[in-house]
Structure formats: structure tokens, C-alpha cells
Amino acid sequence: MDNKKDLAEYFQVSVRLVEHLDYLLWEFTELGGMSHLIARLLQGADIAPDSRVLDLGCGKGAVGLSLLASLPGSIGHVTGVDAYAPFVREAQRAAQKRGLAGQCRFLQADIREYPAQDPLFDCVLYVSVGNVLGDLTGTMAALRSHVRPGGYMVVDDGYLAGDAVDFPGYEDMAGREETLARLTAHGDELAGEVAIPAQAIAAQNKEYFSRITSRAQELAGRFPDLAHDIENFVRKEQEENTILERHVRCATWLLRRAS
């Protein structure tokens, strides 16, 4: 996913808007996911000291950097991988600014093609990335290929609150029980679960959408020929917010890989 067409498909924007996404999302450090909830899950697990963490689809690196800062001694090093170069550069700058550059590295690469490392990681994060790695069962198979037996996988996603949703990226989403079955389809242990309150999602969406709308207006003023593309992007964001608030229950899961 390292070309504009693939990135446009993932972000559900026009190809020519891809190069402006960093402007539209400039004010956002955490692009989905809530770092403190992930830290809470890992605090309750017997993660190895100085664990090596892989963050697939790391965005601007907020989750990995937050874990390094909040779980010293437990998290030793973070490798973040993302396809969008501006986000990777922002993650690198943030690491330098926070004095954490020696404990992390951020790479631009397609997470679907990122090779398993030797040794395998102690923990892999997959936070608000969606179906880039396939359906949920396939995603778990991909995550398992990066983490050692007995290591942990953190998945931030959601499940249907009711009927199926006809919206890109949500077509295969299931109810809670089926979602848990898919998460553990390879024999891994569900070691923790945090449900994200609907009120928190609504509050976050309200703040994010206000900022996006403001940036979108500024960008349309600078590039009038992109006005229609920008309008479609804003509409898509609004529609997805409605889905997340009314039709989906967001959650973060911790799974321990079977030996």
C-alpha cells in the first residue's frame, strides 16, 4: 500500500487528495485508538521486561510512543510501520521531540508485505487499521506471524450492535460473539477486553470532526479545484462517525498467542 491508488482506496478519498491528507489530519496525533486503554490492558498482562513491540499501521506513532513513556521497563523498543510517508515522518519527529528516538524506529512500508523478523516480537499492535490484512480471521493469522508464542496481540476494532452495516470497511463486521470467535480462531487466548463507552466515541468524533471541517475549509480555499473531493471526504467522515456512534461497539482486545 505504498502507492497513491492503494492509499486512496484505504482512506476512501480521491487519488489527488492523498497528498493533502497530512494537512487535513495535521492536528491529530492519535488516529484512532486510545493509548491509555491499551496501556491498561498491557499493565495487567505478564509481558516480558523490555518487550519488543511491533505497531502495524502505526500512523503518527502515538500509541507506541505513549506505551514507551507510560510503561518504562515493560516496553523496551517499538517498531512502527505505516504506508503513508508524511505520518511516518511525523512519528519520527515526535520520537525525537519526546527523547524516545533511541527506543523506536518508524518505517514506511506496506504492512501486508512487512516480513516477519527474527527474533519474533513480544507484542504486536493493530490499532484502528481495519481490514488491510483481510477479514478478522485472516488478520489474526497475519499478526500471529510476527509475535512469539506466549506473546501478545492488541487489536482495536469493534463489533456490530445490531444489523449489518453497508459501508466500506464494515461489510464483514459481525456481532460480539462471532467477533470473539474470529479473534480466537487460531487457538489464542483472549487475555483482556476493554469496551470503549459510546459517550467517549461520540465526544472524540465531535472534536475530530470540528477540526477536520476547519482544515477542509482552509484547504478548499487554497485549492478550489479540490473542493468536490474535499466535500466528499468530509461527508464520508460524518457518515462513518454516525456508524461508530449508532451501529458499532468499539473495543480493544488483548490476545495471548498460543504456544
C-alpha atoms as a PDB file:
ATOM      1  CA  MET A   1       0.000   0.000   0.000  1.00  0.00           C
ATOM      2  CA  ASP A   2       2.803   2.362  -0.864  1.00  0.00           C
ATOM      3  CA  ASN A   3       1.279   3.977  -3.949  1.00  0.00           C
ATOM      4  CA  LYS A   4      -1.363   6.676  -4.207  1.00  0.00           C
ATOM      5  CA  LYS A   5      -4.047   4.398  -5.609  1.00  0.00           C
ATOM      6  CA  ASP A   6      -3.811   1.957  -2.712  1.00  0.00           C
ATOM      7  CA  LEU A   7      -3.681   4.768  -0.172  1.00  0.00           C
ATOM      8  CA  ALA A   8      -6.693   6.454  -1.745  1.00  0.00           C
ATOM      9  CA  GLU A   9      -8.642   3.210  -1.520  1.00  0.00           C
ATOM     10  CA  TYR A  10      -7.708   2.729   2.124  1.00  0.00           C
ATOM     11  CA  PHE A  11      -8.547   6.289   3.179  1.00  0.00           C
ATOM     12  CA  GLN A  12     -11.590   6.348   0.855  1.00  0.00           C
ATOM     13  CA  VAL A  13     -10.539   9.558  -0.860  1.00  0.00           C
ATOM     14  CA  SER A  14      -9.705  10.581  -4.414  1.00  0.00           C
ATOM     15  CA  VAL A  15      -6.175   9.869  -5.594  1.00  0.00           C
ATOM     16  CA  ARG A  16      -5.393  13.544  -5.926  1.00  0.00           C
ATOM     17  CA  LEU A  17      -6.410  14.203  -2.318  1.00  0.00           C
ATOM     18  CA  VAL A  18      -3.910  11.687  -0.913  1.00  0.00           C
ATOM     19  CA  GLU A  19      -1.029  14.162  -0.843  1.00  0.00           C
ATOM     20  CA  HIS A  20      -3.156  16.558   1.223  1.00  0.00           C
ATOM     21  CA  LEU A  21      -4.254  14.097   3.921  1.00  0.00           C
ATOM     22  CA  ASP A  22      -1.436  15.149   6.209  1.00  0.00           C
ATOM     23  CA  TYR A  23      -2.811  18.704   6.060  1.00  0.00           C
ATOM     24  CA  LEU A  24      -6.392  17.599   6.727  1.00  0.00           C
ATOM     25  CA  LEU A  25      -5.256  15.434   9.647  1.00  0.00           C
ATOM     26  CA  TRP A  26      -2.450  17.680  10.867  1.00  0.00           C
ATOM     27  CA  GLU A  27      -3.964  18.325  14.305  1.00  0.00           C
ATOM     28  CA  PHE A  28      -4.499  14.647  15.030  1.00  0.00           C
ATOM     29  CA  THR A  29      -1.785  12.825  16.911  1.00  0.00           C
ATOM     30  CA  GLU A  30      -3.765   9.699  17.736  1.00  0.00           C
ATOM     31  CA  LEU A  31      -5.504   8.477  14.590  1.00  0.00           C
ATOM     32  CA  GLY A  32      -7.977   6.153  16.250  1.00  0.00           C
ATOM     33  CA  GLY A  33      -7.420   4.033  19.325  1.00  0.00           C
ATOM     34  CA  MET A  34      -6.938   5.236  22.885  1.00  0.00           C
ATOM     35  CA  SER A  35      -3.405   4.732  24.190  1.00  0.00           C
ATOM     36  CA  HIS A  36      -4.357   4.708  27.864  1.00  0.00           C
ATOM     37  CA  LEU A  37      -6.721   1.770  27.324  1.00  0.00           C
ATOM     38  CA  ILE A  38      -4.010  -0.229  25.586  1.00  0.00           C
ATOM     39  CA  ALA A  39      -1.578   0.583  28.391  1.00  0.00           C
ATOM     40  CA  ARG A  40      -4.163  -0.608  30.919  1.00  0.00           C
ATOM     41  CA  LEU A  41      -4.518  -3.946  29.131  1.00  0.00           C
ATOM     42  CA  LEU A  42      -0.769  -4.488  28.932  1.00  0.00           C
ATOM     43  CA  GLN A  43      -0.260  -3.495  32.577  1.00  0.00           C
ATOM     44  CA  GLY A  44      -2.489  -6.375  33.582  1.00  0.00           C
ATOM     45  CA  ALA A  45      -0.568  -8.884  31.466  1.00  0.00           C
ATOM     46  CA  ASP A  46       2.712 -10.623  32.253  1.00  0.00           C
ATOM     47  CA  ILE A  47       4.580  -9.006  29.393  1.00  0.00           C
ATOM     48  CA  ALA A  48       8.308  -9.615  29.362  1.00  0.00           C
ATOM     49  CA  PRO A  49      10.597  -6.821  30.619  1.00  0.00           C
ATOM     50  CA  ASP A  50      11.938  -4.628  27.813  1.00  0.00           C
ATOM     51  CA  SER A  51       9.439  -6.109  25.386  1.00  0.00           C
ATOM     52  CA  ARG A  52       9.910  -5.517  21.687  1.00  0.00           C
ATOM     53  CA  VAL A  53       6.692  -4.161  20.172  1.00  0.00           C
ATOM     54  CA  LEU A  54       5.602  -4.019  16.531  1.00  0.00           C
ATOM     55  CA  ASP A  55       2.941  -1.424  15.669  1.00  0.00           C
ATOM     56  CA  LEU A  56       1.398  -2.237  12.281  1.00  0.00           C
ATOM     57  CA  GLY A  57      -0.370   0.737  10.711  1.00  0.00           C
ATOM     58  CA  CYS A  58       1.222   2.987  13.326  1.00  0.00           C
ATOM     59  CA  GLY A  59       0.064   6.295  11.826  1.00  0.00           C
ATOM     60  CA  LYS A  60       1.921   9.096  13.610  1.00  0.00           C
ATOM     61  CA  GLY A  61       3.318   6.718  16.216  1.00  0.00           C
ATOM     62  CA  ALA A  62       1.201   7.987  19.100  1.00  0.00           C
ATOM     63  CA  VAL A  63       0.337   4.609  20.608  1.00  0.00           C
ATOM     64  CA  GLY A  64       3.861   3.214  20.558  1.00  0.00           C
ATOM     65  CA  LEU A  65       5.394   6.401  21.951  1.00  0.00           C
ATOM     66  CA  SER A  66       2.748   6.563  24.665  1.00  0.00           C
ATOM     67  CA  LEU A  67       3.488   2.975  25.716  1.00  0.00           C
ATOM     68  CA  LEU A  68       7.224   3.677  25.890  1.00  0.00           C
ATOM     69  CA  ALA A  69       6.533   6.645  28.165  1.00  0.00           C
ATOM     70  CA  SER A  70       3.839   5.072  30.347  1.00  0.00           C
ATOM     71  CA  LEU A  71       5.281   1.550  30.715  1.00  0.00           C
ATOM     72  CA  PRO A  72       9.031   2.075  31.241  1.00  0.00           C
ATOM     73  CA  GLY A  73      10.807  -1.191  31.904  1.00  0.00           C
ATOM     74  CA  SER A  74       7.983  -3.176  30.341  1.00  0.00           C
ATOM     75  CA  ILE A  75       8.224  -1.739  26.831  1.00  0.00           C
ATOM     76  CA  GLY A  76      11.816  -1.613  25.633  1.00  0.00           C
ATOM     77  CA  HIS A  77      11.571  -0.861  21.922  1.00  0.00           C
ATOM     78  CA  VAL A  78       8.846  -0.079  19.380  1.00  0.00           C
ATOM     79  CA  THR A  79       8.979  -0.625  15.629  1.00  0.00           C
ATOM     80  CA  GLY A  80       6.210   1.235  13.817  1.00  0.00           C
ATOM     81  CA  VAL A  81       5.253   0.561  10.203  1.00  0.00           C
ATOM     82  CA  ASP A  82       2.919   2.673   8.079  1.00  0.00           C
ATOM     83  CA  ALA A  83       2.396   3.159   4.349  1.00  0.00           C
ATOM     84  CA  TYR A  84       1.809   6.917   4.435  1.00  0.00           C
ATOM     85  CA  ALA A  85       5.164   8.708   4.377  1.00  0.00           C
ATOM     86  CA  PRO A  86       4.006  12.003   5.970  1.00  0.00           C
ATOM     87  CA  PHE A  87       2.698  10.101   9.011  1.00  0.00           C
ATOM     88  CA  VAL A  88       5.986   8.212   9.348  1.00  0.00           C
ATOM     89  CA  ARG A  89       7.964  11.447   9.235  1.00  0.00           C
ATOM     90  CA  GLU A  90       5.679  12.927  11.882  1.00  0.00           C
ATOM     91  CA  ALA A  91       6.231   9.859  14.084  1.00  0.00           C
ATOM     92  CA  GLN A  92       9.990  10.231  13.734  1.00  0.00           C
ATOM     93  CA  ARG A  93       9.804  13.910  14.682  1.00  0.00           C
ATOM     94  CA  ALA A  94       7.595  13.115  17.681  1.00  0.00           C
ATOM     95  CA  ALA A  95      10.068  10.482  18.893  1.00  0.00           C
ATOM     96  CA  GLN A  96      12.911  12.984  18.695  1.00  0.00           C
ATOM     97  CA  LYS A  97      10.884  15.648  20.486  1.00  0.00           C
ATOM     98  CA  ARG A  98       9.988  13.286  23.334  1.00  0.00           C
ATOM     99  CA  GLY A  99      13.523  11.952  23.707  1.00  0.00           C
ATOM    100  CA  LEU A 100      12.483   8.435  22.688  1.00  0.00           C
ATOM    101  CA  ALA A 101      14.255   8.129  19.337  1.00  0.00           C
ATOM    102  CA  GLY A 102      16.721   5.604  20.751  1.00  0.00           C
ATOM    103  CA  GLN A 103      13.898   3.262  21.721  1.00  0.00           C
ATOM    104  CA  CYS A 104      11.950   3.206  18.486  1.00  0.00           C
ATOM    105  CA  ARG A 105      12.104   3.277  14.739  1.00  0.00           C
ATOM    106  CA  PHE A 106       9.386   4.155  12.261  1.00  0.00           C
ATOM    107  CA  LEU A 107       9.391   2.747   8.747  1.00  0.00           C
ATOM    108  CA  GLN A 108       7.404   3.460   5.610  1.00  0.00           C
ATOM    109  CA  ALA A 109       6.246   0.137   4.218  1.00  0.00           C
ATOM    110  CA  ASP A 110       3.156  -1.817   3.215  1.00  0.00           C
ATOM    111  CA  ILE A 111       2.167  -3.759   6.328  1.00  0.00           C
ATOM    112  CA  ARG A 112       0.845  -6.541   4.108  1.00  0.00           C
ATOM    113  CA  GLU A 113       4.397  -7.131   2.903  1.00  0.00           C
ATOM    114  CA  TYR A 114       6.380  -6.438   6.069  1.00  0.00           C
ATOM    115  CA  PRO A 115       8.460  -9.580   6.692  1.00  0.00           C
ATOM    116  CA  ALA A 116       8.492 -11.485   9.955  1.00  0.00           C
ATOM    117  CA  GLN A 117      11.579 -10.611  11.992  1.00  0.00           C
ATOM    118  CA  ASP A 118      13.988 -12.910  13.801  1.00  0.00           C
ATOM    119  CA  PRO A 119      13.521 -12.978  16.705  1.00  0.00           C
ATOM    120  CA  LEU A 120       9.779 -12.511  16.656  1.00  0.00           C
ATOM    121  CA  PHE A 121       8.253  -9.604  18.588  1.00  0.00           C
ATOM    122  CA  ASP A 122       6.914  -9.880  22.128  1.00  0.00           C
ATOM    123  CA  CYS A 123       3.812  -7.862  21.239  1.00  0.00           C
ATOM    124  CA  VAL A 124       2.129  -6.641  18.075  1.00  0.00           C
ATOM    125  CA  LEU A 125      -0.336  -3.747  17.892  1.00  0.00           C
ATOM    126  CA  TYR A 126      -3.084  -3.430  15.292  1.00  0.00           C
ATOM    127  CA  VAL A 127      -4.969  -0.301  16.266  1.00  0.00           C
ATOM    128  CA  SER A 128      -7.875   1.054  14.193  1.00  0.00           C
ATOM    129  CA  VAL A 129      -6.366  -0.221  10.951  1.00  0.00           C
ATOM    130  CA  GLY A 130      -9.428  -2.040   9.620  1.00  0.00           C
ATOM    131  CA  ASN A 131      -9.322  -4.828   7.062  1.00  0.00           C
ATOM    132  CA  VAL A 132      -5.966  -4.086   5.409  1.00  0.00           C
ATOM    133  CA  LEU A 133      -4.774  -7.589   6.323  1.00  0.00           C
ATOM    134  CA  GLY A 134      -8.039  -9.228   5.249  1.00  0.00           C
ATOM    135  CA  ASP A 135     -11.013 -10.385   7.281  1.00  0.00           C
ATOM    136  CA  LEU A 136     -10.583 -10.708  11.038  1.00  0.00           C
ATOM    137  CA  THR A 137      -9.571 -14.373  10.969  1.00  0.00           C
ATOM    138  CA  GLY A 138      -7.005 -13.639   8.275  1.00  0.00           C
ATOM    139  CA  THR A 139      -5.815 -10.580  10.163  1.00  0.00           C
ATOM    140  CA  MET A 140      -5.165 -12.660  13.264  1.00  0.00           C
ATOM    141  CA  ALA A 141      -3.183 -15.162  11.194  1.00  0.00           C
ATOM    142  CA  ALA A 142      -1.051 -12.305   9.878  1.00  0.00           C
ATOM    143  CA  LEU A 143      -0.500 -10.842  13.346  1.00  0.00           C
ATOM    144  CA  ARG A 144       0.497 -14.248  14.724  1.00  0.00           C
ATOM    145  CA  SER A 145       3.291 -14.464  12.156  1.00  0.00           C
ATOM    146  CA  HIS A 146       5.003 -11.505  13.846  1.00  0.00           C
ATOM    147  CA  VAL A 147       4.704 -12.436  17.537  1.00  0.00           C
ATOM    148  CA  ARG A 148       6.426 -15.163  19.521  1.00  0.00           C
ATOM    149  CA  PRO A 149       4.447 -17.977  21.171  1.00  0.00           C
ATOM    150  CA  GLY A 150       3.244 -16.646  24.508  1.00  0.00           C
ATOM    151  CA  GLY A 151       3.486 -13.083  23.222  1.00  0.00           C
ATOM    152  CA  TYR A 152       0.599 -10.660  22.919  1.00  0.00           C
ATOM    153  CA  MET A 153      -1.534  -9.131  20.191  1.00  0.00           C
ATOM    154  CA  VAL A 154      -3.546  -5.946  20.718  1.00  0.00           C
ATOM    155  CA  VAL A 155      -6.458  -5.402  18.339  1.00  0.00           C
ATOM    156  CA  ASP A 156      -8.516  -2.213  18.428  1.00  0.00           C
ATOM    157  CA  ASP A 157     -11.665  -2.608  16.346  1.00  0.00           C
ATOM    158  CA  GLY A 158     -15.345  -3.195  17.031  1.00  0.00           C
ATOM    159  CA  TYR A 159     -18.424  -5.340  16.550  1.00  0.00           C
ATOM    160  CA  LEU A 160     -21.972  -4.779  15.363  1.00  0.00           C
ATOM    161  CA  ALA A 161     -24.531  -3.550  17.850  1.00  0.00           C
ATOM    162  CA  GLY A 162     -27.355  -4.720  15.594  1.00  0.00           C
ATOM    163  CA  ASP A 163     -27.892  -5.164  11.879  1.00  0.00           C
ATOM    164  CA  ALA A 164     -25.140  -5.329   9.285  1.00  0.00           C
ATOM    165  CA  VAL A 165     -23.675  -2.052   8.019  1.00  0.00           C
ATOM    166  CA  ASP A 166     -23.403  -1.264   4.319  1.00  0.00           C
ATOM    167  CA  PHE A 167     -20.306   0.944   4.328  1.00  0.00           C
ATOM    168  CA  PRO A 168     -16.782   0.347   3.009  1.00  0.00           C
ATOM    169  CA  GLY A 169     -14.670  -1.441   5.592  1.00  0.00           C
ATOM    170  CA  TYR A 170     -17.636  -2.599   7.667  1.00  0.00           C
ATOM    171  CA  GLU A 171     -19.205  -5.192   5.355  1.00  0.00           C
ATOM    172  CA  ASP A 172     -17.678  -8.184   7.165  1.00  0.00           C
ATOM    173  CA  MET A 173     -18.179  -6.901  10.697  1.00  0.00           C
ATOM    174  CA  ALA A 174     -20.103  -9.272  12.962  1.00  0.00           C
ATOM    175  CA  GLY A 175     -21.735  -9.288  16.373  1.00  0.00           C
ATOM    176  CA  ARG A 176     -19.718  -9.661  19.561  1.00  0.00           C
ATOM    177  CA  GLU A 177     -19.781 -13.452  19.926  1.00  0.00           C
ATOM    178  CA  GLU A 178     -18.822 -14.067  16.305  1.00  0.00           C
ATOM    179  CA  THR A 179     -16.119 -11.408  16.552  1.00  0.00           C
ATOM    180  CA  LEU A 180     -14.615 -13.131  19.595  1.00  0.00           C
ATOM    181  CA  ALA A 181     -14.749 -16.452  17.746  1.00  0.00           C
ATOM    182  CA  ARG A 182     -12.815 -14.937  14.858  1.00  0.00           C
ATOM    183  CA  LEU A 183     -10.260 -13.345  17.169  1.00  0.00           C
ATOM    184  CA  THR A 184      -9.534 -16.706  18.805  1.00  0.00           C
ATOM    185  CA  ALA A 185      -9.954 -18.889  15.700  1.00  0.00           C
ATOM    186  CA  HIS A 186      -6.283 -19.934  15.775  1.00  0.00           C
ATOM    187  CA  GLY A 187      -6.374 -21.137  19.366  1.00  0.00           C
ATOM    188  CA  ASP A 188      -5.112 -17.984  21.031  1.00  0.00           C
ATOM    189  CA  GLU A 189      -6.295 -16.876  24.480  1.00  0.00           C
ATOM    190  CA  LEU A 190      -8.465 -13.817  24.969  1.00  0.00           C
ATOM    191  CA  ALA A 191      -6.477 -12.196  27.779  1.00  0.00           C
ATOM    192  CA  GLY A 192      -8.322  -8.904  28.081  1.00  0.00           C
ATOM    193  CA  GLU A 193     -11.074  -6.730  26.662  1.00  0.00           C
ATOM    194  CA  VAL A 194     -11.939  -3.076  27.138  1.00  0.00           C
ATOM    195  CA  ALA A 195     -15.201  -1.737  25.759  1.00  0.00           C
ATOM    196  CA  ILE A 196     -14.958   1.898  24.745  1.00  0.00           C
ATOM    197  CA  PRO A 197     -18.008   3.822  26.018  1.00  0.00           C
ATOM    198  CA  ALA A 198     -20.268   5.203  23.304  1.00  0.00           C
ATOM    199  CA  GLN A 199     -20.118   8.603  25.002  1.00  0.00           C
ATOM    200  CA  ALA A 200     -16.329   8.646  24.643  1.00  0.00           C
ATOM    201  CA  ILE A 201     -16.577   7.771  20.958  1.00  0.00           C
ATOM    202  CA  ALA A 202     -19.182  10.488  20.380  1.00  0.00           C
ATOM    203  CA  ALA A 203     -17.092  13.097  22.208  1.00  0.00           C
ATOM    204  CA  GLN A 204     -13.962  12.160  20.286  1.00  0.00           C
ATOM    205  CA  ASN A 205     -15.837  12.204  16.982  1.00  0.00           C
ATOM    206  CA  LYS A 206     -17.307  15.629  17.721  1.00  0.00           C
ATOM    207  CA  GLU A 207     -13.888  17.096  18.442  1.00  0.00           C
ATOM    208  CA  TYR A 208     -12.233  15.415  15.453  1.00  0.00           C
ATOM    209  CA  PHE A 209     -14.983  16.385  13.024  1.00  0.00           C
ATOM    210  CA  SER A 210     -14.842  20.017  14.098  1.00  0.00           C
ATOM    211  CA  ARG A 211     -11.125  20.101  13.394  1.00  0.00           C
ATOM    212  CA  ILE A 212     -11.453  18.252  10.103  1.00  0.00           C
ATOM    213  CA  THR A 213     -14.168  20.630   8.920  1.00  0.00           C
ATOM    214  CA  SER A 214     -11.997  23.624   9.716  1.00  0.00           C
ATOM    215  CA  ARG A 215      -8.962  22.202   7.939  1.00  0.00           C
ATOM    216  CA  ALA A 216     -11.126  21.159   4.982  1.00  0.00           C
ATOM    217  CA  GLN A 217     -12.441  24.690   4.556  1.00  0.00           C
ATOM    218  CA  GLU A 218      -8.899  26.063   4.640  1.00  0.00           C
ATOM    219  CA  LEU A 219      -7.692  23.523   2.082  1.00  0.00           C
ATOM    220  CA  ALA A 220     -10.629  24.157  -0.256  1.00  0.00           C
ATOM    221  CA  GLY A 221      -9.820  27.857  -0.127  1.00  0.00           C
ATOM    222  CA  ARG A 222      -6.247  27.166  -1.181  1.00  0.00           C
ATOM    223  CA  PHE A 223      -7.146  24.578  -3.837  1.00  0.00           C
ATOM    224  CA  PRO A 224     -10.598  25.364  -5.303  1.00  0.00           C
ATOM    225  CA  ASP A 225     -10.227  22.580  -7.867  1.00  0.00           C
ATOM    226  CA  LEU A 226     -10.209  20.081  -4.976  1.00  0.00           C
ATOM    227  CA  ALA A 227     -13.399  21.416  -3.391  1.00  0.00           C
ATOM    228  CA  HIS A 228     -15.559  18.488  -4.555  1.00  0.00           C
ATOM    229  CA  ASP A 229     -13.000  15.908  -3.401  1.00  0.00           C
ATOM    230  CA  ILE A 230     -12.727  17.616  -0.026  1.00  0.00           C
ATOM    231  CA  GLU A 231     -16.503  17.790   0.339  1.00  0.00           C
ATOM    232  CA  ASN A 232     -16.738  14.048  -0.314  1.00  0.00           C
ATOM    233  CA  PHE A 233     -14.049  13.386   2.291  1.00  0.00           C
ATOM    234  CA  VAL A 234     -15.877  15.410   4.936  1.00  0.00           C
ATOM    235  CA  ARG A 235     -19.172  13.686   4.109  1.00  0.00           C
ATOM    236  CA  LYS A 236     -17.512  10.283   4.393  1.00  0.00           C
ATOM    237  CA  GLU A 237     -16.078  11.194   7.798  1.00  0.00           C
ATOM    238  CA  GLN A 238     -19.503  12.306   9.009  1.00  0.00           C
ATOM    239  CA  GLU A 239     -21.159   9.110   7.785  1.00  0.00           C
ATOM    240  CA  GLU A 240     -18.541   6.953   9.474  1.00  0.00           C
ATOM    241  CA  ASN A 241     -18.933   8.863  12.728  1.00  0.00           C
ATOM    242  CA  THR A 242     -22.649   8.081  12.665  1.00  0.00           C
ATOM    243  CA  ILE A 243     -21.905   4.397  12.132  1.00  0.00           C
ATOM    244  CA  LEU A 244     -19.424   4.294  15.010  1.00  0.00           C
ATOM    245  CA  GLU A 245     -21.852   6.020  17.352  1.00  0.00           C
ATOM    246  CA  ARG A 246     -25.064   4.181  16.441  1.00  0.00           C
ATOM    247  CA  HIS A 247     -24.284   0.826  14.860  1.00  0.00           C
ATOM    248  CA  VAL A 248     -20.907  -0.336  16.186  1.00  0.00           C
ATOM    249  CA  ARG A 249     -19.498  -1.009  19.630  1.00  0.00           C
ATOM    250  CA  CYS A 250     -15.809  -0.137  19.718  1.00  0.00           C
ATOM    251  CA  ALA A 251     -13.454  -2.287  21.769  1.00  0.00           C
ATOM    252  CA  THR A 252      -9.815  -3.138  22.331  1.00  0.00           C
ATOM    253  CA  TRP A 253      -8.770  -6.754  22.814  1.00  0.00           C
ATOM    254  CA  LEU A 254      -5.621  -8.370  24.156  1.00  0.00           C
ATOM    255  CA  LEU A 255      -4.829 -11.866  22.931  1.00  0.00           C
ATOM    256  CA  ARG A 256      -2.031 -14.183  24.004  1.00  0.00           C
ATOM    257  CA  ARG A 257      -0.600 -16.259  21.219  1.00  0.00           C
ATOM    258  CA  ALA A 258      -0.843 -19.991  21.752  1.00  0.00           C
ATOM    259  CA  SER A 259       2.424 -21.916  22.073  1.00  0.00           C
END
